[in-house]
Amino acid sequence: MTRFEITRTFDIGTKEAAAAVRQLVAEGLLTGPRGQYVNSYSPPQQRRRVRQLRERASDLRREALELMRTAREIEQELPTGGDSKDT
């Protein structure tokens, strides 16, 4: 896919498409002269990548739980009585 095909397919701007391709290249998911080819992973590389993705997902879950806990604590500290703002 070219950058322009990506922009049309995903309805995003060319800068966003270029940034996405750069990110995928940095993560090793795309390879080639311009990052245009899906990287072929060997089975050990695939297992390692799956392990990395699972660890990242676990980290994100922990972070989301912590953020939800913090949000609940903040909500409990807010005065009750609606959403009106003090002036």
C-alpha atoms as a PDB file:
ATOM      1  CA  MET A   1       0.000   0.000   0.000  1.00  0.00           C
ATOM      2  CA  THR A   2       1.220   3.455  -0.769  1.00  0.00           C
ATOM      3  CA  ARG A   3       0.853   6.328   1.655  1.00  0.00           C
ATOM      4  CA  PHE A   4      -1.953   7.690  -0.501  1.00  0.00           C
ATOM      5  CA  GLU A   5      -3.790   4.369  -0.477  1.00  0.00           C
ATOM      6  CA  ILE A   6      -3.454   4.322   3.302  1.00  0.00           C
ATOM      7  CA  THR A   7      -4.921   7.828   3.542  1.00  0.00           C
ATOM      8  CA  ARG A   8      -7.914   6.853   1.421  1.00  0.00           C
ATOM      9  CA  THR A   9      -8.472   3.486   3.092  1.00  0.00           C
ATOM     10  CA  PHE A  10      -8.323   4.784   6.650  1.00  0.00           C
ATOM     11  CA  ASP A  11      -9.588   8.315   5.963  1.00  0.00           C
ATOM     12  CA  ILE A  12      -6.559  10.008   7.527  1.00  0.00           C
ATOM     13  CA  GLY A  13      -4.151  12.703   6.382  1.00  0.00           C
ATOM     14  CA  THR A  14      -0.853  12.023   4.639  1.00  0.00           C
ATOM     15  CA  LYS A  15       1.141  13.181   7.674  1.00  0.00           C
ATOM     16  CA  GLU A  16      -0.734  10.726   9.898  1.00  0.00           C
ATOM     17  CA  ALA A  17      -0.184   7.940   7.351  1.00  0.00           C
ATOM     18  CA  ALA A  18       3.539   8.694   7.171  1.00  0.00           C
ATOM     19  CA  ALA A  19       3.783   8.768  10.973  1.00  0.00           C
ATOM     20  CA  ALA A  20       1.970   5.420  11.197  1.00  0.00           C
ATOM     21  CA  VAL A  21       4.335   3.833   8.671  1.00  0.00           C
ATOM     22  CA  ARG A  22       7.360   5.222  10.561  1.00  0.00           C
ATOM     23  CA  GLN A  23       5.969   3.790  13.810  1.00  0.00           C
ATOM     24  CA  LEU A  24       5.409   0.363  12.227  1.00  0.00           C
ATOM     25  CA  VAL A  25       8.955   0.417  10.832  1.00  0.00           C
ATOM     26  CA  ALA A  26      10.317   1.396  14.270  1.00  0.00           C
ATOM     27  CA  GLU A  27       8.415  -1.521  15.831  1.00  0.00           C
ATOM     28  CA  GLY A  28       9.852  -3.874  13.218  1.00  0.00           C
ATOM     29  CA  LEU A  29       6.472  -4.765  11.731  1.00  0.00           C
ATOM     30  CA  LEU A  30       7.295  -3.262   8.340  1.00  0.00           C
ATOM     31  CA  THR A  31      10.566  -3.564   6.488  1.00  0.00           C
ATOM     32  CA  GLY A  32      11.998  -2.804   3.086  1.00  0.00           C
ATOM     33  CA  PRO A  33      13.475   0.142   1.276  1.00  0.00           C
ATOM     34  CA  ARG A  34      10.635   2.393   2.379  1.00  0.00           C
ATOM     35  CA  GLY A  35       8.975   0.267   5.038  1.00  0.00           C
ATOM     36  CA  GLN A  36       6.490  -1.015   2.525  1.00  0.00           C
ATOM     37  CA  TYR A  37       6.767  -4.735   3.179  1.00  0.00           C
ATOM     38  CA  VAL A  38       5.394  -6.733   6.067  1.00  0.00           C
ATOM     39  CA  ASN A  39       8.300  -8.180   7.963  1.00  0.00           C
ATOM     40  CA  SER A  40       8.594 -11.982   7.862  1.00  0.00           C
ATOM     41  CA  TYR A  41       9.137 -13.296  11.349  1.00  0.00           C
ATOM     42  CA  SER A  42      10.624 -16.683  12.120  1.00  0.00           C
ATOM     43  CA  PRO A  43       8.690 -18.785  14.667  1.00  0.00           C
ATOM     44  CA  PRO A  44      11.038 -17.778  17.536  1.00  0.00           C
ATOM     45  CA  GLN A  45      10.655 -14.109  16.542  1.00  0.00           C
ATOM     46  CA  GLN A  46       6.872 -14.533  16.402  1.00  0.00           C
ATOM     47  CA  ARG A  47       6.832 -16.039  19.904  1.00  0.00           C
ATOM     48  CA  ARG A  48       9.049 -13.246  21.218  1.00  0.00           C
ATOM     49  CA  ARG A  49       6.794 -10.598  19.618  1.00  0.00           C
ATOM     50  CA  VAL A  50       3.654 -12.221  21.035  1.00  0.00           C
ATOM     51  CA  ARG A  51       5.284 -12.266  24.471  1.00  0.00           C
ATOM     52  CA  GLN A  52       6.180  -8.566  24.116  1.00  0.00           C
ATOM     53  CA  LEU A  53       2.639  -7.704  23.051  1.00  0.00           C
ATOM     54  CA  ARG A  54       1.153  -9.650  25.960  1.00  0.00           C
ATOM     55  CA  GLU A  55       3.444  -7.845  28.402  1.00  0.00           C
ATOM     56  CA  ARG A  56       2.476  -4.493  26.886  1.00  0.00           C
ATOM     57  CA  ALA A  57      -1.222  -5.375  27.095  1.00  0.00           C
ATOM     58  CA  SER A  58      -0.775  -6.358  30.728  1.00  0.00           C
ATOM     59  CA  ASP A  59       1.015  -3.072  31.467  1.00  0.00           C
ATOM     60  CA  LEU A  60      -1.777  -1.130  29.766  1.00  0.00           C
ATOM     61  CA  ARG A  61      -4.431  -3.021  31.750  1.00  0.00           C
ATOM     62  CA  ARG A  62      -2.641  -2.192  35.014  1.00  0.00           C
ATOM     63  CA  GLU A  63      -2.350   1.448  33.974  1.00  0.00           C
ATOM     64  CA  ALA A  64      -6.041   1.600  33.025  1.00  0.00           C
ATOM     65  CA  LEU A  65      -7.060   0.108  36.390  1.00  0.00           C
ATOM     66  CA  GLU A  66      -4.910   2.629  38.228  1.00  0.00           C
ATOM     67  CA  LEU A  67      -6.427   5.497  36.231  1.00  0.00           C
ATOM     68  CA  MET A  68      -9.948   4.236  36.966  1.00  0.00           C
ATOM     69  CA  ARG A  69      -9.110   4.008  40.682  1.00  0.00           C
ATOM     70  CA  THR A  70      -7.744   7.545  40.642  1.00  0.00           C
ATOM     71  CA  ALA A  71     -10.822   8.810  38.789  1.00  0.00           C
ATOM     72  CA  ARG A  72     -13.108   7.159  41.390  1.00  0.00           C
ATOM     73  CA  GLU A  73     -11.134   8.743  44.230  1.00  0.00           C
ATOM     74  CA  ILE A  74     -11.395  12.168  42.604  1.00  0.00           C
ATOM     75  CA  GLU A  75     -15.134  11.704  41.975  1.00  0.00           C
ATOM     76  CA  GLN A  76     -15.652  10.779  45.641  1.00  0.00           C
ATOM     77  CA  GLU A  77     -13.905  13.971  46.738  1.00  0.00           C
ATOM     78  CA  LEU A  78     -16.105  16.167  44.534  1.00  0.00           C
ATOM     79  CA  PRO A  79     -19.051  17.869  46.194  1.00  0.00           C
ATOM     80  CA  THR A  80     -22.405  16.270  45.464  1.00  0.00           C
ATOM     81  CA  GLY A  81     -25.334  18.155  43.990  1.00  0.00           C
ATOM     82  CA  GLY A  82     -25.011  18.062  40.227  1.00  0.00           C
ATOM     83  CA  ASP A  83     -22.623  19.323  37.650  1.00  0.00           C
ATOM     84  CA  SER A  84     -23.010  23.056  38.282  1.00  0.00           C
ATOM     85  CA  LYS A  85     -19.793  25.035  38.475  1.00  0.00           C
ATOM     86  CA  ASP A  86     -18.986  27.448  41.282  1.00  0.00           C
ATOM     87  CA  THR A  87     -18.563  31.033  40.162  1.00  0.00           C
END
